[in-house]
Amino acid sequence: MATIEKESQDKTGLRSDVVTLYQGGQYHLYTFKKYTDVRLVFAPEFDIAFFGGDPDNFEYPRYDLDVCFFRAYEDGKPARPAHYLKWSPAGSQAGELVFVAGHPGRTNRLNTLAHLEYLRDVNFPFSLDLFKDREAFLRQLGIEVLSHVVAVGCADLRKVVSWEQIRGLSERDDVLLNCVDSDAEQQMKEEVDKVLRTGDSVGGIFEVVAHSVPPGLGTYAQWDERLDGLLASAVMSLQAVKAVEIGAGVTAASSAGSAVHDEIGYAASAGFAGFTRSRNNAGGIEGGVSNGEDIVVRGYLKPISTLRRPLQSVDFASREPVKAAYERSDVCVVPAAGVAAEAMVALTVARCALEKFGGDSMTETLRNFKGYLDQVKNY
């Protein structure tokens, strides 16, 4: 391929790349002419370009003027190539082919038509049905899983929140950064606005809470079946998550034991078995097993790597230093990552519940579950 590319470049004077398509099914030779004299023609003011903020990215029609125009020059004059996309004053019409440029994260552009049809008709519906079944399964057991944001940049939520507050947040129609405290959320917004103005990005921390999880899920005996290990693996698998915390794991590492370990009490009418905890630093898991308290998992999200102010990189072909390429992207994805982590935690808890209670039908599983709760309550 390198020989073909060199021969083409020597012959045409154009950059030549051999591109693999359809997982090696076809190879195409692409040639490019690079214009080095490119001048800005039009760019809107920042407040107009970013009107509506990041949420506007996911709405149609969009209400911002997020557009700019450049003109390529050749020998000091506007370039006039033989083939180009013409400006349409009337805009796109119904039925016309439209190419949309953006930063979707992943395009699957090498998939064949048959593969795309399989994903649309088989794979995606199966996955959605699986997620819905697991969610319905957890609801049958009385288990709920929700997330909220506890930190963006240097702004953080500095108070303990109840399950009722988190549930109330999930029922709101208008959510900014998915934080239960409006004052803390405003400080988080200021962190986002700050990095937006400087062309940077910002990370943060989300918290997922699984409520009303019965004691006994997981195991203390097998290293690869511990509930905390499974949850850490599931949340850590999300892109940009660089650390996972169960309960107060981070602060516990620098605290005295008496300030960390949850004292145990007993009240016959409390919880699943009458045993209570004075606090929940353990995050609902002790010895790899759920203890009946809320399961609390935090994910630490790094800032996304696509910056409007590019960092230093290296060109793979020439090995020369270059600035990293920029494509449009958000500057903070912590709330969205929390929603993804909800799904991972729910799938993990559902898996452990199925392993614990078994059954070939929902009726049988519920029978086993209720029998287990009775056994625990009468212990």
Protein backbone atom coordinates (compact mmCIF):
# COMPACT_ATOMS: atom_id res chain seq x y z
CA MET A 1 0.00 0.00 0.00
CA ALA A 2 2.86 2.37 0.77
CA THR A 3 4.25 1.77 -2.75
CA ILE A 4 0.87 2.52 -4.37
CA GLU A 5 0.50 5.69 -2.33
CA LYS A 6 3.99 6.92 -3.26
CA GLU A 7 3.52 6.17 -6.96
CA SER A 8 0.20 8.03 -6.97
CA GLN A 9 1.62 11.05 -5.15
CA ASP A 10 4.64 11.24 -7.49
CA LYS A 11 2.35 11.04 -10.53
CA THR A 12 -0.42 13.44 -9.46
CA GLY A 13 1.25 15.65 -6.88
CA LEU A 14 -1.71 14.97 -4.61
CA ARG A 15 -1.73 13.38 -1.19
CA SER A 16 -2.67 9.73 -1.74
CA ASP A 17 -4.09 7.33 0.86
CA VAL A 18 -5.15 3.71 0.44
CA VAL A 19 -8.31 3.32 2.53
CA THR A 20 -9.67 -0.01 3.78
CA LEU A 21 -13.43 -0.46 3.48
CA TYR A 22 -15.86 -3.14 4.68
CA GLN A 23 -13.38 -4.73 7.10
CA GLY A 24 -10.91 -5.46 4.29
CA GLY A 25 -13.49 -6.30 1.61
CA GLN A 26 -12.40 -3.39 -0.59
CA TYR A 27 -9.42 -1.07 -0.90
CA HIS A 28 -9.79 2.38 -2.44
CA LEU A 29 -7.11 4.90 -3.41
CA TYR A 30 -8.15 8.38 -2.25
CA THR A 31 -6.33 11.48 -3.53
CA PHE A 32 -6.49 14.88 -1.87
CA LYS A 33 -5.40 18.37 -2.76
CA LYS A 34 -4.40 20.36 0.30
CA TYR A 35 -4.94 24.11 0.33
CA THR A 36 -2.58 25.91 2.69
CA ASP A 37 -4.00 29.41 2.18
CA VAL A 38 -7.39 29.31 3.90
CA ARG A 39 -9.00 32.53 5.11
CA LEU A 40 -11.91 33.16 7.44
CA VAL A 41 -14.86 34.81 5.69
CA PHE A 42 -17.53 34.83 8.39
CA ALA A 43 -17.84 33.86 12.06
CA PRO A 44 -20.64 34.87 14.47
CA GLU A 45 -20.18 36.35 17.90
CA PHE A 46 -19.78 33.75 20.64
CA ASP A 47 -23.12 34.45 22.34
CA ILE A 48 -24.97 33.89 19.05
CA ALA A 49 -22.99 30.78 18.13
CA PHE A 50 -23.60 29.15 21.51
CA PHE A 51 -27.17 30.34 22.05
CA GLY A 52 -29.06 27.54 23.78
CA GLY A 53 -25.91 25.89 25.15
CA ASP A 54 -25.04 22.22 24.88
CA PRO A 55 -28.69 21.05 25.12
CA ASP A 56 -29.32 22.77 21.79
CA ASN A 57 -27.01 20.22 20.16
CA PHE A 58 -29.69 17.59 20.62
CA GLU A 59 -32.70 19.62 19.48
CA TYR A 60 -34.26 20.22 16.09
CA PRO A 61 -34.59 22.83 14.85
CA ARG A 62 -31.52 24.36 16.46
CA TYR A 63 -31.75 27.99 17.45
CA ASP A 64 -28.09 29.00 17.52
CA LEU A 65 -26.01 30.35 14.65
CA ASP A 66 -23.26 27.78 14.97
CA VAL A 67 -21.67 28.29 11.56
CA CYS A 68 -18.60 29.81 9.97
CA PHE A 69 -17.31 30.15 6.41
CA PHE A 70 -13.81 29.81 5.03
CA ARG A 71 -12.43 30.43 1.56
CA ALA A 72 -9.47 28.56 0.06
CA TYR A 73 -7.00 30.59 -1.98
CA GLU A 74 -4.55 29.50 -4.65
CA ASP A 75 -1.81 31.84 -5.93
CA GLY A 76 -3.42 34.68 -4.03
CA LYS A 77 -6.83 34.24 -5.67
CA PRO A 78 -9.94 32.33 -4.56
CA ALA A 79 -9.56 28.70 -5.60
CA ARG A 80 -11.97 27.52 -8.28
CA PRO A 81 -11.95 23.70 -8.36
CA ALA A 82 -13.84 21.87 -11.07
CA HIS A 83 -16.06 20.07 -8.57
CA TYR A 84 -17.49 21.51 -5.40
CA LEU A 85 -20.70 21.70 -3.34
CA LYS A 86 -22.66 24.73 -4.45
CA TRP A 87 -24.34 27.15 -2.07
CA SER A 88 -28.12 26.73 -1.98
CA PRO A 89 -29.97 29.92 -0.95
CA ALA A 90 -33.23 27.96 -0.72
CA GLY A 91 -31.84 25.36 1.68
CA SER A 92 -32.47 21.62 1.58
CA GLN A 93 -35.73 20.35 0.14
CA ALA A 94 -37.77 17.28 1.00
CA GLY A 95 -36.23 14.11 -0.41
CA GLU A 96 -32.80 15.64 -1.05
CA LEU A 97 -29.62 13.91 0.12
CA VAL A 98 -28.08 15.85 3.02
CA PHE A 99 -24.56 15.39 4.42
CA VAL A 100 -24.23 16.38 8.07
CA ALA A 101 -20.81 17.14 9.55
CA GLY A 102 -20.29 16.88 13.28
CA HIS A 103 -18.76 14.92 16.12
CA PRO A 104 -20.98 11.89 16.70
CA GLY A 105 -18.26 9.97 18.57
CA ARG A 106 -18.65 6.83 16.45
CA THR A 107 -20.16 6.51 12.98
CA ASN A 108 -19.78 2.82 12.04
CA ARG A 109 -19.16 4.13 8.54
CA LEU A 110 -17.37 0.94 7.47
CA ASN A 111 -20.40 -1.26 8.05
CA THR A 112 -22.06 -2.79 5.01
CA LEU A 113 -25.75 -2.24 4.25
CA ALA A 114 -26.52 -5.79 5.38
CA HIS A 115 -24.73 -5.17 8.68
CA LEU A 116 -26.61 -1.92 9.28
CA GLU A 117 -29.90 -3.69 8.58
CA TYR A 118 -28.95 -6.41 11.05
CA LEU A 119 -28.13 -3.82 13.73
CA ARG A 120 -31.41 -1.97 13.06
CA ASP A 121 -33.70 -4.98 12.85
CA VAL A 122 -32.07 -7.49 15.23
CA ASN A 123 -29.23 -6.31 17.44
CA PHE A 124 -30.51 -2.96 18.70
CA PRO A 125 -34.10 -4.15 19.33
CA PHE A 126 -32.72 -7.17 21.24
CA SER A 127 -30.48 -4.94 23.38
CA LEU A 128 -33.32 -2.51 24.11
CA ASP A 129 -35.63 -5.36 25.06
CA LEU A 130 -32.92 -6.78 27.34
CA PHE A 131 -32.47 -3.45 29.13
CA LYS A 132 -36.22 -3.01 29.49
CA ASP A 133 -36.61 -6.55 30.83
CA ARG A 134 -33.86 -6.03 33.41
CA GLU A 135 -35.35 -2.70 34.46
CA ALA A 136 -38.80 -4.27 34.77
CA PHE A 137 -37.26 -7.17 36.68
CA LEU A 138 -35.66 -4.83 39.22
CA ARG A 139 -38.91 -2.91 39.64
CA GLN A 140 -40.71 -6.18 40.37
CA LEU A 141 -38.24 -6.66 43.22
CA GLY A 142 -38.77 -3.08 44.39
CA ILE A 143 -35.25 -1.99 43.38
CA GLU A 144 -34.66 1.43 41.79
CA VAL A 145 -31.47 2.87 40.28
CA LEU A 146 -30.86 6.59 39.71
CA SER A 147 -27.92 8.96 39.33
CA HIS A 148 -27.02 12.55 40.10
CA VAL A 149 -23.96 14.77 39.69
CA VAL A 150 -21.89 15.55 42.77
CA ALA A 151 -18.99 17.50 41.22
CA VAL A 152 -18.02 19.37 38.07
CA GLY A 153 -14.48 20.67 38.07
CA CYS A 154 -13.80 22.34 41.42
CA ALA A 155 -17.49 22.81 42.25
CA ASP A 156 -18.98 20.01 44.32
CA LEU A 157 -22.04 19.04 46.32
CA ARG A 158 -21.03 19.33 49.96
CA LYS A 159 -23.97 17.77 51.74
CA VAL A 160 -25.57 14.37 52.14
CA VAL A 161 -28.66 13.91 50.00
CA SER A 162 -31.56 11.55 50.57
CA TRP A 163 -33.04 9.04 48.16
CA GLU A 164 -36.21 11.15 48.03
CA GLN A 165 -34.20 14.13 46.76
CA ILE A 166 -32.56 12.03 44.04
CA ARG A 167 -35.91 10.62 42.98
CA GLY A 168 -37.38 14.11 42.92
CA LEU A 169 -34.56 15.22 40.64
CA SER A 170 -35.36 12.41 38.20
CA GLU A 171 -38.98 13.62 37.98
CA ARG A 172 -38.09 17.15 36.92
CA ASP A 173 -38.89 18.22 33.38
CA ASP A 174 -36.04 20.75 33.18
CA VAL A 175 -32.62 19.57 34.37
CA LEU A 176 -29.42 21.59 33.92
CA LEU A 177 -26.53 19.49 35.27
CA ASN A 178 -28.55 16.91 37.24
CA CYS A 179 -27.53 18.11 40.69
CA VAL A 180 -30.06 18.01 43.54
CA ASP A 181 -28.88 21.32 45.03
CA SER A 182 -29.59 24.42 42.94
CA ASP A 183 -26.79 26.49 44.49
CA ALA A 184 -24.19 23.79 43.88
CA GLU A 185 -25.56 23.29 40.38
CA GLN A 186 -25.09 26.98 39.61
CA GLN A 187 -21.47 26.76 40.74
CA MET A 188 -21.03 23.73 38.48
CA LYS A 189 -22.48 25.72 35.58
CA GLU A 190 -19.92 28.44 36.23
CA GLU A 191 -17.18 25.81 35.95
CA VAL A 192 -18.58 24.72 32.58
CA ASP A 193 -18.90 28.31 31.36
CA LYS A 194 -15.32 29.03 32.39
CA VAL A 195 -13.76 26.22 30.37
CA LEU A 196 -16.10 26.98 27.48
CA ARG A 197 -14.72 30.52 27.27
CA THR A 198 -11.12 29.27 27.33
CA GLY A 199 -11.61 26.48 24.78
CA ASP A 200 -11.05 23.75 27.38
CA SER A 201 -13.10 20.88 28.83
CA VAL A 202 -13.94 19.76 32.36
CA GLY A 203 -14.60 16.48 34.15
CA GLY A 204 -16.37 15.65 37.37
CA ILE A 205 -18.01 13.02 39.52
CA PHE A 206 -21.39 11.32 39.20
CA GLU A 207 -23.06 9.14 41.82
CA VAL A 208 -25.34 6.17 41.12
CA VAL A 209 -27.61 4.95 43.91
CA ALA A 210 -29.38 1.58 43.90
CA HIS A 211 -32.24 1.81 46.38
CA SER A 212 -33.96 -1.01 48.26
CA VAL A 213 -31.41 -3.68 47.32
CA PRO A 214 -31.82 -6.68 49.66
CA PRO A 215 -28.87 -7.99 51.66
CA GLY A 216 -27.03 -11.01 50.35
CA LEU A 217 -26.32 -10.16 46.70
CA GLY A 218 -22.76 -11.00 45.67
CA THR A 219 -20.31 -13.19 47.57
CA TYR A 220 -17.38 -12.95 49.94
CA ALA A 221 -15.91 -16.27 48.77
CA GLN A 222 -15.14 -15.79 45.05
CA TRP A 223 -12.98 -12.86 43.98
CA ASP A 224 -14.64 -12.52 40.58
CA GLU A 225 -18.19 -12.60 41.97
CA ARG A 226 -17.89 -9.91 44.64
CA LEU A 227 -20.60 -7.28 44.14
CA ASP A 228 -18.25 -4.35 44.61
CA GLY A 229 -15.81 -5.78 42.07
CA LEU A 230 -18.57 -6.34 39.52
CA LEU A 231 -19.91 -2.82 39.97
CA ALA A 232 -16.45 -1.27 39.74
CA SER A 233 -15.76 -3.19 36.54
CA ALA A 234 -19.10 -2.19 35.02
CA VAL A 235 -18.78 1.52 35.74
CA MET A 236 -15.06 1.59 34.90
CA SER A 237 -15.90 0.22 31.45
CA LEU A 238 -17.57 3.51 30.52
CA GLN A 239 -15.46 5.80 28.36
CA ALA A 240 -13.61 8.58 30.21
CA VAL A 241 -14.21 7.04 33.67
CA LYS A 242 -10.80 6.86 35.33
CA ALA A 243 -11.74 5.85 38.88
CA VAL A 244 -14.65 4.24 40.73
CA GLU A 245 -15.56 4.68 44.39
CA ILE A 246 -17.87 2.54 46.50
CA GLY A 247 -19.43 4.49 49.36
CA ALA A 248 -16.89 6.77 51.04
CA GLY A 249 -13.94 4.77 49.75
CA VAL A 250 -11.75 7.75 48.81
CA THR A 251 -12.07 9.67 52.07
CA ALA A 252 -11.98 6.43 54.06
CA ALA A 253 -8.40 5.83 52.93
CA SER A 254 -7.22 8.88 54.88
CA SER A 255 -9.58 8.60 57.87
CA ALA A 256 -9.42 6.72 61.17
CA GLY A 257 -11.33 3.46 61.41
CA SER A 258 -13.71 4.80 64.03
CA ALA A 259 -14.77 7.53 61.59
CA VAL A 260 -15.25 5.13 58.70
CA HIS A 261 -16.89 1.90 59.83
CA ASP A 262 -20.67 1.98 60.06
CA GLU A 263 -22.00 1.15 63.50
CA ILE A 264 -24.69 -1.53 63.56
CA GLY A 265 -27.98 -1.20 65.41
CA TYR A 266 -31.22 -3.13 65.59
CA ALA A 267 -34.89 -2.17 65.33
CA ALA A 268 -37.32 -4.96 64.56
CA SER A 269 -39.33 -2.90 62.08
CA ALA A 270 -36.36 -1.44 60.22
CA GLY A 271 -35.09 -2.51 56.82
CA PHE A 272 -35.01 -6.07 55.54
CA ALA A 273 -33.85 -7.80 58.72
CA GLY A 274 -34.11 -5.19 61.46
CA PHE A 275 -30.37 -4.43 61.41
CA THR A 276 -29.51 -0.78 60.84
CA ARG A 277 -26.41 1.32 60.15
CA SER A 278 -25.76 4.72 61.70
CA ARG A 279 -24.37 5.88 58.32
CA ASN A 280 -23.52 4.37 54.96
CA ASN A 281 -19.79 4.85 54.42
CA ALA A 282 -19.61 1.27 53.14
CA GLY A 283 -21.89 2.22 50.26
CA GLY A 284 -24.27 -0.67 50.90
CA ILE A 285 -21.63 -3.37 50.41
CA GLU A 286 -19.56 -5.18 53.04
CA GLY A 287 -17.23 -8.06 52.27
CA GLY A 288 -18.35 -8.13 48.64
CA VAL A 289 -22.02 -8.61 49.64
CA SER A 290 -24.92 -6.15 49.77
CA ASN A 291 -25.95 -5.31 53.35
CA GLY A 292 -29.44 -3.87 52.77
CA GLU A 293 -28.41 -0.21 52.70
CA ASP A 294 -28.49 1.87 49.51
CA ILE A 295 -25.67 0.87 47.15
CA VAL A 296 -23.66 3.99 46.30
CA VAL A 297 -21.19 4.00 43.39
CA ARG A 298 -19.30 7.06 42.20
CA GLY A 299 -17.56 7.44 38.87
CA TYR A 300 -14.71 9.91 38.38
CA LEU A 301 -14.82 11.28 34.85
CA LYS A 302 -11.82 12.84 33.17
CA PRO A 303 -12.31 15.89 30.92
CA ILE A 304 -13.07 14.81 27.37
CA SER A 305 -10.05 14.98 25.09
CA THR A 306 -11.48 17.03 22.21
CA LEU A 307 -10.52 20.65 22.90
CA ARG A 308 -11.22 23.83 20.97
CA ARG A 309 -7.74 24.83 22.05
CA PRO A 310 -5.81 21.86 20.59
CA LEU A 311 -2.94 20.23 22.45
CA GLN A 312 0.37 19.21 20.96
CA SER A 313 0.48 15.98 18.96
CA VAL A 314 2.49 14.27 16.23
CA ASP A 315 1.64 13.57 12.59
CA PHE A 316 1.77 9.79 12.10
CA ALA A 317 3.04 10.04 8.53
CA SER A 318 5.77 12.66 8.92
CA ARG A 319 6.45 12.25 12.67
CA GLU A 320 6.48 16.04 12.79
CA PRO A 321 4.82 17.97 15.64
CA VAL A 322 1.28 19.20 14.89
CA LYS A 323 -1.70 20.50 16.80
CA ALA A 324 -4.38 17.89 17.54
CA ALA A 325 -7.44 18.02 15.27
CA TYR A 326 -10.61 19.56 16.68
CA GLU A 327 -14.17 18.47 15.98
CA ARG A 328 -17.22 19.97 17.61
CA SER A 329 -17.88 18.45 21.00
CA ASP A 330 -19.36 19.19 24.38
CA VAL A 331 -17.15 20.50 27.14
CA CYS A 332 -18.78 18.55 30.00
CA VAL A 333 -20.44 15.13 29.77
CA VAL A 334 -20.72 14.25 33.46
CA PRO A 335 -24.57 14.18 33.59
CA ALA A 336 -24.75 11.97 30.49
CA ALA A 337 -22.12 9.62 31.92
CA GLY A 338 -24.23 9.28 35.07
CA VAL A 339 -27.19 8.08 33.01
CA ALA A 340 -24.98 5.51 31.26
CA ALA A 341 -23.69 4.37 34.65
CA GLU A 342 -27.29 3.89 35.84
CA ALA A 343 -27.71 1.27 33.13
CA MET A 344 -24.44 -0.48 34.04
CA VAL A 345 -25.30 -0.60 37.74
CA ALA A 346 -28.84 -1.80 37.01
CA LEU A 347 -27.58 -4.59 34.74
CA THR A 348 -25.07 -5.69 37.36
CA VAL A 349 -27.56 -5.69 40.24
CA ALA A 350 -30.13 -7.53 38.09
CA ARG A 351 -27.55 -10.18 37.20
CA CYS A 352 -26.67 -10.76 40.85
CA ALA A 353 -30.35 -10.89 41.81
CA LEU A 354 -31.05 -13.49 39.12
CA GLU A 355 -28.13 -15.58 40.32
CA LYS A 356 -29.35 -15.26 43.91
CA PHE A 357 -33.03 -16.03 43.44
CA GLY A 358 -33.08 -18.02 40.18
CA GLY A 359 -36.24 -19.35 38.59
CA ASP A 360 -37.51 -20.08 35.09
CA SER A 361 -40.23 -17.43 35.20
CA MET A 362 -40.97 -14.15 36.93
CA THR A 363 -43.57 -15.90 39.06
CA GLU A 364 -41.02 -18.41 40.30
CA THR A 365 -38.36 -15.76 40.88
CA LEU A 366 -40.77 -13.59 42.89
CA ARG A 367 -41.76 -16.61 44.95
CA ASN A 368 -38.10 -17.29 45.75
CA PHE A 369 -37.48 -13.61 46.47
CA LYS A 370 -40.40 -13.28 48.88
CA GLY A 371 -39.44 -16.51 50.60
CA TYR A 372 -35.90 -15.18 51.04
CA LEU A 373 -37.17 -11.89 52.51
CA ASP A 374 -39.33 -13.82 54.98
CA GLN A 375 -36.33 -15.93 55.98
CA VAL A 376 -34.16 -12.85 56.51
CA LYS A 377 -36.88 -11.03 58.44
CA ASN A 378 -37.42 -13.97 60.79
CA TYR A 379 -33.72 -14.60 61.36
